[in-house]
Amino acid sequence: MSQAEPYVGKVLPEKPFSVTANLINDYFEGLDLDRAGFDTGKSPVPSMVATDADHYFSEAAFAQQKGHLWMRQEWAFKKPMQAQADYTTRGQIEDIYKKRDRTVVNTAFTVLDGVGDEVLSANHHQSFLLDPPADQVEFRAPTAKAGAKKFNVPDGDPIPGLDRTISLEMCGQYFHGNKSYHTDLEASKELGFSNVVVGGRMTMAYVGHVLDQYFGDRWFSGGHMDVKFTNPCWPNDHIQVKGVSSGTDDDGRESVFAWIEKDDGTVVLIAQASA
């Protein structure tokens, strides 16, 4: 029997999620990040390790999957996630809407710890081309898009960033050796892409790492992040993760605007965060 198409209000199955040593290792090795300051016995794990708890694609996807891509991610952290701990995820399809030529499924999910406390909540906006491209997914040149000036960086103080060249080997490590359009060229071609697509989990994790480092404890216990994906990232792209703090509001929350750009100025994603 084929999988039913997604619909608003669909309740997704409860699933277990464990923060294993292998999961943490693939995170650090796949992103080529230094583990300095990370203590599996005392410190919370990096916030974006939690993206592996976001595993409702098979229950929330349309049957036509050629050309599907991440559109947006919204995250709210309540408690730090710990190494070697077991969690439970619950979710439902909150909305389905149109965005230009794509149909977007907004899946809301929460992660609960062993005593039933909410660790985080998130919304995953996955986009689909319901009229499949004939052979290959075409992307508009970034400079040809409406409002091509990407975005306006708000006034503020720069925060520490990072830069990396993302290799295909890094993609394979980060995605645990699994074959997909994020790790394998043939699998990517089957979905209409001309090259392996660096996963949104990876690029978002780089922003998450910068925010982990900048905000510290307050991020893990009350951080908010809204990420919008603007252009694909491909293996061997050199990226720079940048951010500026625009200060603290009357409620004591500090806001940071962060983004990732390639050497040619193409912006991969933008993120609004606060803690």
Protein backbone atom coordinates (compact mmCIF):
# COMPACT_ATOMS: atom_id res chain seq x y z
CA MET A 1 0.00 0.00 0.00
CA SER A 2 1.41 3.41 -0.94
CA GLN A 3 1.94 6.15 1.62
CA ALA A 4 -1.00 8.58 1.86
CA GLU A 5 -0.26 12.13 0.80
CA PRO A 6 0.29 14.62 3.67
CA TYR A 7 -2.63 16.64 5.03
CA VAL A 8 -3.04 19.37 7.64
CA GLY A 9 -3.67 17.96 11.09
CA LYS A 10 -2.05 14.58 10.44
CA VAL A 11 -0.65 13.27 13.73
CA LEU A 12 2.76 11.68 13.27
CA PRO A 13 3.95 8.62 15.18
CA GLU A 14 5.83 9.00 18.44
CA LYS A 15 9.49 8.05 17.94
CA PRO A 16 12.50 7.43 20.17
CA PHE A 17 15.69 9.45 19.81
CA SER A 18 19.01 8.79 21.52
CA VAL A 19 22.07 11.04 21.67
CA THR A 20 24.69 8.37 21.05
CA ALA A 21 28.47 8.68 20.97
CA ASN A 22 28.42 7.90 17.23
CA LEU A 23 25.90 10.69 16.61
CA ILE A 24 28.09 13.22 18.41
CA ASN A 25 31.22 11.99 16.65
CA ASP A 26 29.61 12.30 13.21
CA TYR A 27 28.54 15.84 14.10
CA PHE A 28 32.03 17.03 14.99
CA GLU A 29 33.90 15.07 12.32
CA GLY A 30 31.39 15.80 9.55
CA LEU A 31 31.48 19.55 10.24
CA ASP A 32 35.24 19.58 10.96
CA LEU A 33 34.72 21.29 14.31
CA ASP A 34 37.02 21.45 17.32
CA ARG A 35 35.65 19.67 20.41
CA ALA A 36 37.47 22.03 22.78
CA GLY A 37 35.26 22.79 25.76
CA PHE A 38 32.91 19.90 25.02
CA ASP A 39 32.64 17.47 27.97
CA THR A 40 30.25 14.57 27.38
CA GLY A 41 29.91 14.08 31.11
CA LYS A 42 28.85 17.61 32.04
CA SER A 43 28.21 19.89 29.08
CA PRO A 44 25.10 19.95 26.89
CA VAL A 45 25.59 18.56 23.41
CA PRO A 46 25.64 21.05 20.51
CA SER A 47 22.13 22.34 19.86
CA MET A 48 22.03 21.16 16.26
CA VAL A 49 22.66 17.54 17.23
CA ALA A 50 18.90 17.71 17.75
CA THR A 51 18.31 17.92 13.98
CA ASP A 52 18.63 14.12 13.97
CA ALA A 53 15.45 14.02 16.03
CA ASP A 54 13.72 15.63 13.04
CA HIS A 55 13.00 12.35 11.24
CA TYR A 56 9.42 12.62 10.01
CA PHE A 57 10.16 12.98 6.30
CA SER A 58 8.66 9.64 5.26
CA GLU A 59 5.38 10.41 7.06
CA ALA A 60 5.13 14.04 5.93
CA ALA A 61 6.42 13.94 2.34
CA PHE A 62 4.50 14.02 -0.92
CA ALA A 63 4.97 11.05 -3.23
CA GLN A 64 6.53 13.35 -5.86
CA GLN A 65 9.92 13.99 -4.31
CA LYS A 66 11.99 15.08 -7.30
CA GLY A 67 13.59 18.41 -6.46
CA HIS A 68 12.45 18.61 -2.83
CA LEU A 69 14.41 21.02 -0.61
CA TRP A 70 14.35 22.59 2.83
CA MET A 71 12.66 26.00 2.87
CA ARG A 72 12.71 27.12 6.51
CA GLN A 73 13.39 25.92 10.07
CA GLU A 74 12.11 27.42 13.34
CA TRP A 75 13.55 26.28 16.68
CA ALA A 76 12.87 27.05 20.35
CA PHE A 77 15.10 25.49 23.01
CA LYS A 78 13.83 24.86 26.56
CA LYS A 79 16.40 22.55 28.19
CA PRO A 80 19.91 21.48 27.18
CA MET A 81 20.15 18.07 25.55
CA GLN A 82 22.64 15.65 27.13
CA ALA A 83 24.94 12.99 25.73
CA GLN A 84 23.93 9.33 26.15
CA ALA A 85 20.36 10.38 27.00
CA ASP A 86 17.12 9.03 25.52
CA TYR A 87 14.31 11.24 24.25
CA THR A 88 10.91 11.00 22.59
CA THR A 89 9.66 12.99 19.59
CA ARG A 90 6.05 13.84 18.77
CA GLY A 91 4.79 15.71 15.73
CA GLN A 92 1.99 16.67 13.40
CA ILE A 93 1.53 18.46 10.08
CA GLU A 94 0.61 22.01 11.02
CA ASP A 95 0.18 23.58 7.58
CA ILE A 96 0.56 23.07 3.83
CA TYR A 97 1.00 26.20 1.74
CA LYS A 98 2.26 27.49 -1.61
CA LYS A 99 5.55 29.36 -2.04
CA ARG A 100 6.14 30.39 -5.66
CA ASP A 101 6.29 27.13 -7.68
CA ARG A 102 6.65 24.95 -4.59
CA THR A 103 4.25 23.37 -2.12
CA VAL A 104 5.54 23.49 1.45
CA VAL A 105 4.69 21.08 4.27
CA ASN A 106 5.13 22.61 7.73
CA THR A 107 5.77 19.81 10.21
CA ALA A 108 5.74 20.77 13.90
CA PHE A 109 7.47 18.51 16.39
CA THR A 110 8.60 18.49 20.00
CA VAL A 111 11.33 16.58 21.81
CA LEU A 112 10.63 15.34 25.36
CA ASP A 113 13.12 14.03 27.90
CA GLY A 114 12.80 10.96 30.09
CA VAL A 115 10.60 12.70 32.66
CA GLY A 116 8.30 14.18 30.02
CA ASP A 117 9.67 17.73 30.04
CA GLU A 118 9.82 19.54 26.71
CA VAL A 119 13.42 19.99 25.60
CA LEU A 120 12.69 21.83 22.36
CA SER A 121 10.04 22.51 19.76
CA ALA A 122 10.56 23.08 16.06
CA ASN A 123 8.83 23.63 12.73
CA HIS A 124 10.30 22.09 9.59
CA HIS A 125 9.16 23.63 6.29
CA GLN A 126 9.92 21.14 3.48
CA SER A 127 9.23 22.23 -0.11
CA PHE A 128 8.10 20.02 -3.00
CA LEU A 129 7.72 20.46 -6.75
CA LEU A 130 4.40 18.73 -7.28
CA ASP A 131 4.77 19.15 -11.05
CA PRO A 132 8.07 17.30 -11.42
CA PRO A 133 10.81 18.92 -13.53
CA ALA A 134 11.29 17.14 -16.87
CA ASP A 135 14.90 16.12 -16.32
CA GLN A 136 16.78 18.45 -14.05
CA VAL A 137 15.89 20.95 -11.35
CA GLU A 138 16.79 24.45 -12.51
CA PHE A 139 17.91 27.15 -10.12
CA ARG A 140 17.75 30.84 -10.91
CA ALA A 141 21.05 32.68 -10.69
CA PRO A 142 21.13 34.44 -7.30
CA THR A 143 21.67 37.81 -8.99
CA ALA A 144 18.57 37.28 -11.15
CA LYS A 145 16.21 36.84 -8.21
CA ALA A 146 13.80 39.53 -7.13
CA GLY A 147 15.41 41.68 -4.46
CA ALA A 148 18.79 40.36 -5.51
CA LYS A 149 20.61 42.33 -2.81
CA LYS A 150 20.00 39.32 -0.58
CA PHE A 151 19.23 41.16 2.68
CA ASN A 152 20.21 44.15 4.77
CA VAL A 153 22.59 43.39 7.60
CA PRO A 154 21.22 45.16 10.69
CA ASP A 155 23.36 47.56 12.63
CA GLY A 156 25.30 45.89 15.41
CA ASP A 157 28.51 44.35 16.61
CA PRO A 158 30.04 41.43 14.69
CA ILE A 159 30.17 38.12 16.53
CA PRO A 160 32.83 35.43 16.02
CA GLY A 161 32.16 33.34 12.92
CA LEU A 162 33.92 30.57 11.04
CA ASP A 163 34.67 29.37 7.54
CA ARG A 164 34.89 25.91 6.03
CA THR A 165 35.25 24.17 2.69
CA ILE A 166 32.62 21.40 2.71
CA SER A 167 33.89 18.21 1.09
CA LEU A 168 31.85 15.24 -0.10
CA GLU A 169 33.62 13.16 2.54
CA MET A 170 32.38 15.53 5.24
CA CYS A 171 28.83 15.11 3.93
CA GLY A 172 29.15 11.32 4.13
CA GLN A 173 30.39 11.48 7.72
CA TYR A 174 27.76 13.94 8.88
CA PHE A 175 24.94 11.80 7.45
CA HIS A 176 26.30 8.66 9.13
CA GLY A 177 27.42 6.98 5.89
CA ASN A 178 23.85 6.77 4.58
CA LYS A 179 23.31 7.04 0.82
CA SER A 180 21.11 9.97 -0.18
CA TYR A 181 21.11 13.05 -2.37
CA HIS A 182 23.25 14.69 0.34
CA THR A 183 26.04 12.13 -0.02
CA ASP A 184 25.82 10.37 -3.39
CA LEU A 185 25.83 11.81 -6.93
CA GLU A 186 23.63 9.14 -8.50
CA ALA A 187 21.04 9.46 -5.75
CA SER A 188 21.07 13.22 -6.29
CA LYS A 189 20.61 12.87 -10.06
CA GLU A 190 17.58 10.64 -9.45
CA LEU A 191 15.96 13.62 -7.71
CA GLY A 192 16.80 15.96 -10.59
CA PHE A 193 19.92 17.65 -9.21
CA SER A 194 23.14 17.92 -11.22
CA ASN A 195 25.34 17.61 -8.13
CA VAL A 196 25.17 16.39 -4.54
CA VAL A 197 23.19 18.87 -2.43
CA VAL A 198 24.91 19.74 0.85
CA GLY A 199 22.21 19.06 3.42
CA GLY A 200 20.38 21.87 5.18
CA ARG A 201 21.17 20.04 8.41
CA MET A 202 24.87 20.73 7.80
CA THR A 203 24.64 24.40 6.88
CA MET A 204 22.17 25.09 9.69
CA ALA A 205 24.49 23.26 12.09
CA TYR A 206 27.29 25.71 11.29
CA VAL A 207 25.03 28.61 12.27
CA GLY A 208 23.96 26.65 15.36
CA HIS A 209 27.59 26.12 16.32
CA VAL A 210 28.34 29.85 16.09
CA LEU A 211 25.29 30.59 18.26
CA ASP A 212 26.19 27.84 20.75
CA GLN A 213 29.58 29.46 21.19
CA TYR A 214 28.30 33.02 21.36
CA PHE A 215 25.26 32.68 23.63
CA GLY A 216 26.46 29.82 25.83
CA ASP A 217 24.11 28.46 28.51
CA ARG A 218 21.32 30.94 27.79
CA TRP A 219 21.03 29.54 24.25
CA PHE A 220 20.41 25.96 25.36
CA SER A 221 17.73 26.98 27.87
CA GLY A 222 15.85 29.66 25.97
CA GLY A 223 17.25 30.28 22.50
CA HIS A 224 15.02 30.94 19.48
CA MET A 225 16.09 30.61 15.84
CA ASP A 226 14.32 31.18 12.51
CA VAL A 227 16.34 30.01 9.49
CA LYS A 228 15.46 30.61 5.84
CA PHE A 229 17.32 28.74 3.09
CA THR A 230 18.01 30.91 0.06
CA ASN A 231 20.42 29.05 -2.27
CA PRO A 232 21.85 25.53 -2.53
CA CYS A 233 25.30 24.64 -1.26
CA TRP A 234 27.42 22.12 -3.18
CA PRO A 235 30.46 19.99 -2.23
CA ASN A 236 33.75 21.92 -2.35
CA ASP A 237 32.00 25.24 -1.74
CA HIS A 238 33.91 27.45 0.66
CA ILE A 239 31.47 29.10 3.06
CA GLN A 240 31.71 31.83 5.67
CA VAL A 241 29.38 31.97 8.67
CA LYS A 242 28.88 35.54 9.88
CA GLY A 243 26.70 37.31 12.42
CA VAL A 244 25.99 40.61 14.14
CA SER A 245 24.40 41.30 17.52
CA SER A 246 21.89 44.13 17.56
CA GLY A 247 21.82 44.29 21.35
CA THR A 248 19.33 43.49 24.10
CA ASP A 249 15.67 44.51 24.19
CA ASP A 250 13.57 45.60 27.17
CA ASP A 251 12.80 41.95 27.98
CA GLY A 252 16.48 41.09 28.26
CA ARG A 253 16.71 39.11 25.02
CA GLU A 254 19.73 39.68 22.80
CA SER A 255 19.15 39.37 19.05
CA VAL A 256 21.66 38.09 16.51
CA PHE A 257 21.34 38.09 12.75
CA ALA A 258 23.49 35.38 11.13
CA TRP A 259 24.07 34.23 7.59
CA ILE A 260 26.20 31.95 5.42
CA GLU A 261 27.70 33.11 2.16
CA LYS A 262 29.99 31.62 -0.48
CA ASP A 263 33.11 33.25 -1.88
CA ASP A 264 31.14 34.72 -4.79
CA GLY A 265 28.71 36.40 -2.40
CA THR A 266 25.88 33.87 -2.87
CA VAL A 267 23.92 33.61 0.36
CA VAL A 268 23.06 30.06 1.43
CA LEU A 269 20.82 30.92 4.38
CA ILE A 270 19.89 33.70 6.77
CA ALA A 271 18.92 33.30 10.41
CA GLN A 272 17.32 35.48 13.06
CA ALA A 273 18.17 34.29 16.57
CA SER A 274 17.75 35.47 20.14
CA ALA A 275 18.43 34.37 23.69
